Amino acid sequence: MDTESAAGGLLAELASAVARERTVGLGNGNLTLEEIVREVLRELVKEWLDLNLPTLTERLVQKEIERLVHRAEKL
């Protein structure tokens, strides 16, 4: 077996091992690590938005109103 064939075979084995590892269930056995991280991040983003979005929206709307008033005063 030449080096190129051996390397190709090893890479194929590695790809298979990685694919198997991605499907390993965690916690209750039905969730993958990606699904758990997605759930946690979704909750963190929701909390952040609930806390910050009203203030952020108010500030942006106020800034836009000021811009429109300033623009209207120039007319």
PDB file of N, CA and C in Angstrom:
ATOM      1  N   MET A   1       0.858  -1.173   0.000  1.00  0.00           N
ATOM      2  CA  MET A   1       0.000   0.000   0.000  1.00  0.00           C
ATOM      3  C   MET A   1       0.901   1.232   0.000  1.00  0.00           C
ATOM      4  N   ASP A   2       0.618   2.164  -0.887  1.00  0.00           N
ATOM      5  CA  ASP A   2       1.443   3.367  -0.937  1.00  0.00           C
ATOM      6  C   ASP A   2       0.980   4.385   0.103  1.00  0.00           C
ATOM      7  N   THR A   3       1.785   5.383   0.317  1.00  0.00           N
ATOM      8  CA  THR A   3       1.527   6.394   1.347  1.00  0.00           C
ATOM      9  C   THR A   3       0.222   7.134   1.091  1.00  0.00           C
ATOM     10  N   GLU A   4      -0.044   7.442  -0.168  1.00  0.00           N
ATOM     11  CA  GLU A   4      -1.259   8.187  -0.508  1.00  0.00           C
ATOM     12  C   GLU A   4      -2.510   7.385  -0.162  1.00  0.00           C
ATOM     13  N   SER A   5      -2.522   6.119  -0.474  1.00  0.00           N
ATOM     14  CA  SER A   5      -3.664   5.257  -0.157  1.00  0.00           C
ATOM     15  C   SER A   5      -3.830   5.111   1.349  1.00  0.00           C
ATOM     16  N   ALA A   6      -2.715   4.946   2.049  1.00  0.00           N
ATOM     17  CA  ALA A   6      -2.765   4.805   3.504  1.00  0.00           C
ATOM     18  C   ALA A   6      -3.323   6.070   4.146  1.00  0.00           C
ATOM     19  N   ALA A   7      -2.865   7.221   3.678  1.00  0.00           N
ATOM     20  CA  ALA A   7      -3.348   8.495   4.227  1.00  0.00           C
ATOM     21  C   ALA A   7      -4.834   8.656   3.939  1.00  0.00           C
ATOM     22  N   GLY A   8      -5.254   8.301   2.732  1.00  0.00           N
ATOM     23  CA  GLY A   8      -6.674   8.392   2.385  1.00  0.00           C
ATOM     24  C   GLY A   8      -7.528   7.505   3.266  1.00  0.00           C
ATOM     25  N   GLY A   9      -7.042   6.294   3.528  1.00  0.00           N
ATOM     26  CA  GLY A   9      -7.777   5.377   4.398  1.00  0.00           C
ATOM     27  C   GLY A   9      -7.880   5.894   5.817  1.00  0.00           C
ATOM     28  N   LEU A  10      -6.788   6.445   6.327  1.00  0.00           N
ATOM     29  CA  LEU A  10      -6.800   7.002   7.683  1.00  0.00           C
ATOM     30  C   LEU A  10      -7.731   8.205   7.782  1.00  0.00           C
ATOM     31  N   LEU A  11      -7.736   9.039   6.754  1.00  0.00           N
ATOM     32  CA  LEU A  11      -8.644  10.189   6.765  1.00  0.00           C
ATOM     33  C   LEU A  11     -10.098   9.740   6.725  1.00  0.00           C
ATOM     34  N   ALA A  12     -10.391   8.696   5.974  1.00  0.00           N
ATOM     35  CA  ALA A  12     -11.752   8.160   5.926  1.00  0.00           C
ATOM     36  C   ALA A  12     -12.163   7.627   7.295  1.00  0.00           C
ATOM     37  N   GLU A  13     -11.241   6.927   7.974  1.00  0.00           N
ATOM     38  CA  GLU A  13     -11.527   6.436   9.326  1.00  0.00           C
ATOM     39  C   GLU A  13     -11.773   7.587  10.292  1.00  0.00           C
ATOM     40  N   LEU A  14     -10.965   8.626  10.191  1.00  0.00           N
ATOM     41  CA  LEU A  14     -11.129   9.795  11.050  1.00  0.00           C
ATOM     42  C   LEU A  14     -12.483  10.450  10.808  1.00  0.00           C
ATOM     43  N   ALA A  15     -12.868  10.604   9.555  1.00  0.00           N
ATOM     44  CA  ALA A  15     -14.159  11.211   9.225  1.00  0.00           C
ATOM     45  C   ALA A  15     -15.304  10.385   9.797  1.00  0.00           C
ATOM     46  N   SER A  16     -15.198   9.070   9.724  1.00  0.00           N
ATOM     47  CA  SER A  16     -16.234   8.195  10.286  1.00  0.00           C
ATOM     48  C   SER A  16     -16.307   8.340  11.802  1.00  0.00           C
ATOM     49  N   ALA A  17     -15.148   8.404  12.450  1.00  0.00           N
ATOM     50  CA  ALA A  17     -15.113   8.550  13.908  1.00  0.00           C
ATOM     51  C   ALA A  17     -15.729   9.872  14.337  1.00  0.00           C
ATOM     52  N   VAL A  18     -15.425  10.938  13.617  1.00  0.00           N
ATOM     53  CA  VAL A  18     -15.996  12.251  13.938  1.00  0.00           C
ATOM     54  C   VAL A  18     -17.502  12.216  13.758  1.00  0.00           C
ATOM     55  N   ALA A  19     -17.977  11.596  12.686  1.00  0.00           N
ATOM     56  CA  ALA A  19     -19.419  11.504  12.444  1.00  0.00           C
ATOM     57  C   ALA A  19     -20.103  10.719  13.557  1.00  0.00           C
ATOM     58  N   ARG A  20     -19.490   9.647  14.020  1.00  0.00           N
ATOM     59  CA  ARG A  20     -20.070   8.864  15.119  1.00  0.00           C
ATOM     60  C   ARG A  20     -20.113   9.682  16.404  1.00  0.00           C
ATOM     61  N   GLU A  21     -19.061  10.418  16.698  1.00  0.00           N
ATOM     62  CA  GLU A  21     -18.996  11.214  17.922  1.00  0.00           C
ATOM     63  C   GLU A  21     -20.058  12.300  17.940  1.00  0.00           C
ATOM     64  N   ARG A  22     -20.380  12.851  16.793  1.00  0.00           N
ATOM     65  CA  ARG A  22     -21.390  13.915  16.736  1.00  0.00           C
ATOM     66  C   ARG A  22     -22.777  13.406  17.079  1.00  0.00           C
ATOM     67  N   THR A  23     -22.997  12.124  16.951  1.00  0.00           N
ATOM     68  CA  THR A  23     -24.325  11.586  17.216  1.00  0.00           C
ATOM     69  C   THR A  23     -24.455  11.000  18.614  1.00  0.00           C
ATOM     70  N   VAL A  24     -23.415  11.117  19.425  1.00  0.00           N
ATOM     71  CA  VAL A  24     -23.476  10.604  20.788  1.00  0.00           C
ATOM     72  C   VAL A  24     -24.431  11.472  21.589  1.00  0.00           C
ATOM     73  N   GLY A  25     -25.409  10.846  22.225  1.00  0.00           N
ATOM     74  CA  GLY A  25     -26.386  11.586  23.011  1.00  0.00           C
ATOM     75  C   GLY A  25     -25.831  11.983  24.366  1.00  0.00           C
ATOM     76  N   LEU A  26     -26.281  13.104  24.876  1.00  0.00           N
ATOM     77  CA  LEU A  26     -25.857  13.589  26.185  1.00  0.00           C
ATOM     78  C   LEU A  26     -27.079  13.794  27.064  1.00  0.00           C
ATOM     79  N   GLY A  27     -26.861  13.946  28.335  1.00  0.00           N
ATOM     80  CA  GLY A  27     -27.966  14.218  29.245  1.00  0.00           C
ATOM     81  C   GLY A  27     -28.933  13.048  29.273  1.00  0.00           C
ATOM     82  N   ASN A  28     -30.130  13.283  28.745  1.00  0.00           N
ATOM     83  CA  ASN A  28     -31.126  12.218  28.752  1.00  0.00           C
ATOM     84  C   ASN A  28     -30.885  11.203  27.637  1.00  0.00           C
ATOM     85  N   GLY A  29     -29.812  11.385  26.873  1.00  0.00           N
ATOM     86  CA  GLY A  29     -29.456  10.439  25.832  1.00  0.00           C
ATOM     87  C   GLY A  29     -30.063  10.742  24.483  1.00  0.00           C
ATOM     88  N   ASN A  30     -30.982  11.692  24.437  1.00  0.00           N
ATOM     89  CA  ASN A  30     -31.640  12.023  23.177  1.00  0.00           C
ATOM     90  C   ASN A  30     -31.117  13.303  22.550  1.00  0.00           C
ATOM     91  N   LEU A  31     -30.320  14.072  23.283  1.00  0.00           N
ATOM     92  CA  LEU A  31     -29.841  15.359  22.786  1.00  0.00           C
ATOM     93  C   LEU A  31     -28.353  15.296  22.474  1.00  0.00           C
ATOM     94  N   THR A  32     -27.962  15.918  21.383  1.00  0.00           N
ATOM     95  CA  THR A  32     -26.541  16.041  21.074  1.00  0.00           C
ATOM     96  C   THR A  32     -26.005  17.283  21.770  1.00  0.00           C
ATOM     97  N   LEU A  33     -24.702  17.412  21.812  1.00  0.00           N
ATOM     98  CA  LEU A  33     -24.079  18.589  22.410  1.00  0.00           C
ATOM     99  C   LEU A  33     -24.532  19.854  21.690  1.00  0.00           C
ATOM    100  N   GLU A  34     -24.614  19.790  20.367  1.00  0.00           N
ATOM    101  CA  GLU A  34     -25.057  20.957  19.592  1.00  0.00           C
ATOM    102  C   GLU A  34     -26.467  21.377  19.996  1.00  0.00           C
ATOM    103  N   GLU A  35     -27.360  20.416  20.204  1.00  0.00           N
ATOM    104  CA  GLU A  35     -28.732  20.741  20.599  1.00  0.00           C
ATOM    105  C   GLU A  35     -28.781  21.358  21.993  1.00  0.00           C
ATOM    106  N   ILE A  36     -27.971  20.842  22.899  1.00  0.00           N
ATOM    107  CA  ILE A  36     -27.926  21.396  24.255  1.00  0.00           C
ATOM    108  C   ILE A  36     -27.407  22.827  24.223  1.00  0.00           C
ATOM    109  N   VAL A  37     -26.319  23.057  23.491  1.00  0.00           N
ATOM    110  CA  VAL A  37     -25.753  24.406  23.379  1.00  0.00           C
ATOM    111  C   VAL A  37     -26.771  25.343  22.748  1.00  0.00           C
ATOM    112  N   ARG A  38     -27.460  24.888  21.711  1.00  0.00           N
ATOM    113  CA  ARG A  38     -28.469  25.714  21.043  1.00  0.00           C
ATOM    114  C   ARG A  38     -29.572  26.122  22.027  1.00  0.00           C
ATOM    115  N   GLU A  39     -30.035  25.178  22.840  1.00  0.00           N
ATOM    116  CA  GLU A  39     -31.082  25.485  23.819  1.00  0.00           C
ATOM    117  C   GLU A  39     -30.596  26.508  24.846  1.00  0.00           C
ATOM    118  N   VAL A  40     -29.388  26.307  25.348  1.00  0.00           N
ATOM    119  CA  VAL A  40     -28.840  27.221  26.355  1.00  0.00           C
ATOM    120  C   VAL A  40     -28.661  28.613  25.760  1.00  0.00           C
ATOM    121  N   LEU A  41     -28.085  28.683  24.561  1.00  0.00           N
ATOM    122  CA  LEU A  41     -27.878  29.987  23.924  1.00  0.00           C
ATOM    123  C   LEU A  41     -29.198  30.673  23.612  1.00  0.00           C
ATOM    124  N   ARG A  42     -30.185  29.911  23.171  1.00  0.00           N
ATOM    125  CA  ARG A  42     -31.493  30.501  22.880  1.00  0.00           C
ATOM    126  C   ARG A  42     -32.060  31.172  24.134  1.00  0.00           C
ATOM    127  N   GLU A  43     -31.955  30.494  25.267  1.00  0.00           N
ATOM    128  CA  GLU A  43     -32.466  31.058  26.515  1.00  0.00           C
ATOM    129  C   GLU A  43     -31.662  32.291  26.935  1.00  0.00           C
ATOM    130  N   LEU A  44     -30.334  32.240  26.788  1.00  0.00           N
ATOM    131  CA  LEU A  44     -29.507  33.398  27.140  1.00  0.00           C
ATOM    132  C   LEU A  44     -29.822  34.601  26.253  1.00  0.00           C
ATOM    133  N   VAL A  45     -29.978  34.370  24.960  1.00  0.00           N
ATOM    134  CA  VAL A  45     -30.303  35.466  24.038  1.00  0.00           C
ATOM    135  C   VAL A  45     -31.679  36.027  24.366  1.00  0.00           C
ATOM    136  N   LYS A  46     -32.642  35.161  24.676  1.00  0.00           N
ATOM    137  CA  LYS A  46     -33.986  35.627  25.037  1.00  0.00           C
ATOM    138  C   LYS A  46     -33.938  36.509  26.282  1.00  0.00           C
ATOM    139  N   GLU A  47     -33.210  36.064  27.295  1.00  0.00           N
ATOM    140  CA  GLU A  47     -33.088  36.863  28.519  1.00  0.00           C
ATOM    141  C   GLU A  47     -32.451  38.218  28.220  1.00  0.00           C
ATOM    142  N   TRP A  48     -31.383  38.210  27.400  1.00  0.00           N
ATOM    143  CA  TRP A  48     -30.701  39.458  27.071  1.00  0.00           C
ATOM    144  C   TRP A  48     -31.636  40.391  26.313  1.00  0.00           C
ATOM    145  N   LEU A  49     -32.360  39.853  25.349  1.00  0.00           N
ATOM    146  CA  LEU A  49     -33.293  40.680  24.580  1.00  0.00           C
ATOM    147  C   LEU A  49     -34.405  41.223  25.468  1.00  0.00           C
ATOM    148  N   ASP A  50     -34.955  40.388  26.341  1.00  0.00           N
ATOM    149  CA  ASP A  50     -36.003  40.851  27.254  1.00  0.00           C
ATOM    150  C   ASP A  50     -35.502  42.000  28.122  1.00  0.00           C
ATOM    151  N   LEU A  51     -34.252  41.920  28.536  1.00  0.00           N
ATOM    152  CA  LEU A  51     -33.677  42.941  29.401  1.00  0.00           C
ATOM    153  C   LEU A  51     -33.282  44.204  28.637  1.00  0.00           C
ATOM    154  N   ASN A  52     -32.718  44.064  27.451  1.00  0.00           N
ATOM    155  CA  ASN A  52     -32.109  45.191  26.743  1.00  0.00           C
ATOM    156  C   ASN A  52     -32.891  45.748  25.561  1.00  0.00           C
ATOM    157  N   LEU A  53     -33.759  44.956  24.961  1.00  0.00           N
ATOM    158  CA  LEU A  53     -34.433  45.403  23.749  1.00  0.00           C
ATOM    159  C   LEU A  53     -35.317  46.632  23.957  1.00  0.00           C
ATOM    160  N   PRO A  54     -36.094  46.722  25.032  1.00  0.00           N
ATOM    161  CA  PRO A  54     -36.915  47.931  25.198  1.00  0.00           C
ATOM    162  C   PRO A  54     -36.078  49.215  25.245  1.00  0.00           C
ATOM    163  N   THR A  55     -35.001  49.213  26.005  1.00  0.00           N
ATOM    164  CA  THR A  55     -34.140  50.388  26.105  1.00  0.00           C
ATOM    165  C   THR A  55     -33.461  50.682  24.779  1.00  0.00           C
ATOM    166  N   LEU A  56     -32.980  49.658  24.130  1.00  0.00           N
ATOM    167  CA  LEU A  56     -32.324  49.814  22.836  1.00  0.00           C
ATOM    168  C   LEU A  56     -33.293  50.382  21.805  1.00  0.00           C
ATOM    169  N   THR A  57     -34.496  49.841  21.765  1.00  0.00           N
ATOM    170  CA  THR A  57     -35.511  50.322  20.824  1.00  0.00           C
ATOM    171  C   THR A  57     -35.868  51.773  21.112  1.00  0.00           C
ATOM    172  N   GLU A  58     -36.073  52.094  22.378  1.00  0.00           N
ATOM    173  CA  GLU A  58     -36.419  53.470  22.755  1.00  0.00           C
ATOM    174  C   GLU A  58     -35.325  54.443  22.332  1.00  0.00           C
ATOM    175  N   ARG A  59     -34.092  54.076  22.577  1.00  0.00           N
ATOM    176  CA  ARG A  59     -32.968  54.938  22.220  1.00  0.00           C
ATOM    177  C   ARG A  59     -32.884  55.140  20.704  1.00  0.00           C
ATOM    178  N   LEU A  60     -33.056  54.071  19.938  1.00  0.00           N
ATOM    179  CA  LEU A  60     -32.987  54.179  18.480  1.00  0.00           C
ATOM    180  C   LEU A  60     -34.153  54.983  17.912  1.00  0.00           C
ATOM    181  N   VAL A  61     -35.337  54.791  18.464  1.00  0.00           N
ATOM    182  CA  VAL A  61     -36.502  55.556  18.000  1.00  0.00           C
ATOM    183  C   VAL A  61     -36.311  57.030  18.325  1.00  0.00           C
ATOM    184  N   GLN A  62     -35.832  57.336  19.526  1.00  0.00           N
ATOM    185  CA  GLN A  62     -35.590  58.727  19.907  1.00  0.00           C
ATOM    186  C   GLN A  62     -34.563  59.374  18.981  1.00  0.00           C
ATOM    187  N   LYS A  63     -33.513  58.649  18.669  1.00  0.00           N
ATOM    188  CA  LYS A  63     -32.482  59.165  17.773  1.00  0.00           C
ATOM    189  C   LYS A  63     -33.062  59.437  16.384  1.00  0.00           C
ATOM    190  N   GLU A  64     -33.907  58.551  15.889  1.00  0.00           N
ATOM    191  CA  GLU A  64     -34.522  58.735  14.575  1.00  0.00           C
ATOM    192  C   GLU A  64     -35.485  59.922  14.585  1.00  0.00           C
ATOM    193  N   ILE A  65     -36.243  60.082  15.665  1.00  0.00           N
ATOM    194  CA  ILE A  65     -37.148  61.235  15.779  1.00  0.00           C
ATOM    195  C   ILE A  65     -36.345  62.525  15.755  1.00  0.00           C
ATOM    196  N   GLU A  66     -35.256  62.571  16.507  1.00  0.00           N
ATOM    197  CA  GLU A  66     -34.409  63.764  16.522  1.00  0.00           C
ATOM    198  C   GLU A  66     -33.848  64.055  15.136  1.00  0.00           C
ATOM    199  N   ARG A  67     -33.462  63.015  14.420  1.00  0.00           N
ATOM    200  CA  ARG A  67     -32.941  63.188  13.065  1.00  0.00           C
ATOM    201  C   ARG A  67     -34.016  63.762  12.140  1.00  0.00           C
ATOM    202  N   LEU A  68     -35.234  63.246  12.258  1.00  0.00           N
ATOM    203  CA  LEU A  68     -36.325  63.734  11.410  1.00  0.00           C
ATOM    204  C   LEU A  68     -36.701  65.175  11.747  1.00  0.00           C
ATOM    205  N   VAL A  69     -36.711  65.509  13.044  1.00  0.00           N
ATOM    206  CA  VAL A  69     -37.020  66.880  13.458  1.00  0.00           C
ATOM    207  C   VAL A  69     -35.947  67.826  12.935  1.00  0.00           C
ATOM    208  N   HIS A  70     -34.705  67.451  13.080  1.00  0.00           N
ATOM    209  CA  HIS A  70     -33.595  68.277  12.598  1.00  0.00           C
ATOM    210  C   HIS A  70     -33.705  68.475  11.087  1.00  0.00           C
ATOM    211  N   ARG A  71     -34.041  67.425  10.400  1.00  0.00           N
ATOM    212  CA  ARG A  71     -34.198  67.499   8.941  1.00  0.00           C
ATOM    213  C   ARG A  71     -35.364  68.414   8.563  1.00  0.00           C
ATOM    214  N   ALA A  72     -36.468  68.319   9.309  1.00  0.00           N
ATOM    215  CA  ALA A  72     -37.639  69.154   9.028  1.00  0.00           C
ATOM    216  C   ALA A  72     -37.345  70.623   9.315  1.00  0.00           C
ATOM    217  N   GLU A  73     -36.528  70.892  10.329  1.00  0.00           N
ATOM    218  CA  GLU A  73     -36.183  72.272  10.667  1.00  0.00           C
ATOM    219  C   GLU A  73     -35.347  72.922   9.576  1.00  0.00           C
ATOM    220  N   LYS A  74     -34.608  72.125   8.816  1.00  0.00           N
ATOM    221  CA  LYS A  74     -33.790  72.659   7.730  1.00  0.00           C
ATOM    222  C   LYS A  74     -34.645  73.096   6.545  1.00  0.00           C
ATOM    223  N   LEU A  75     -35.852  72.557   6.419  1.00  0.00           N
ATOM    224  CA  LEU A  75     -36.711  72.880   5.271  1.00  0.00           C
ATOM    225  C   LEU A  75     -37.277  74.243   5.359  1.00  0.00           C
TER     226      LEU A  75
END
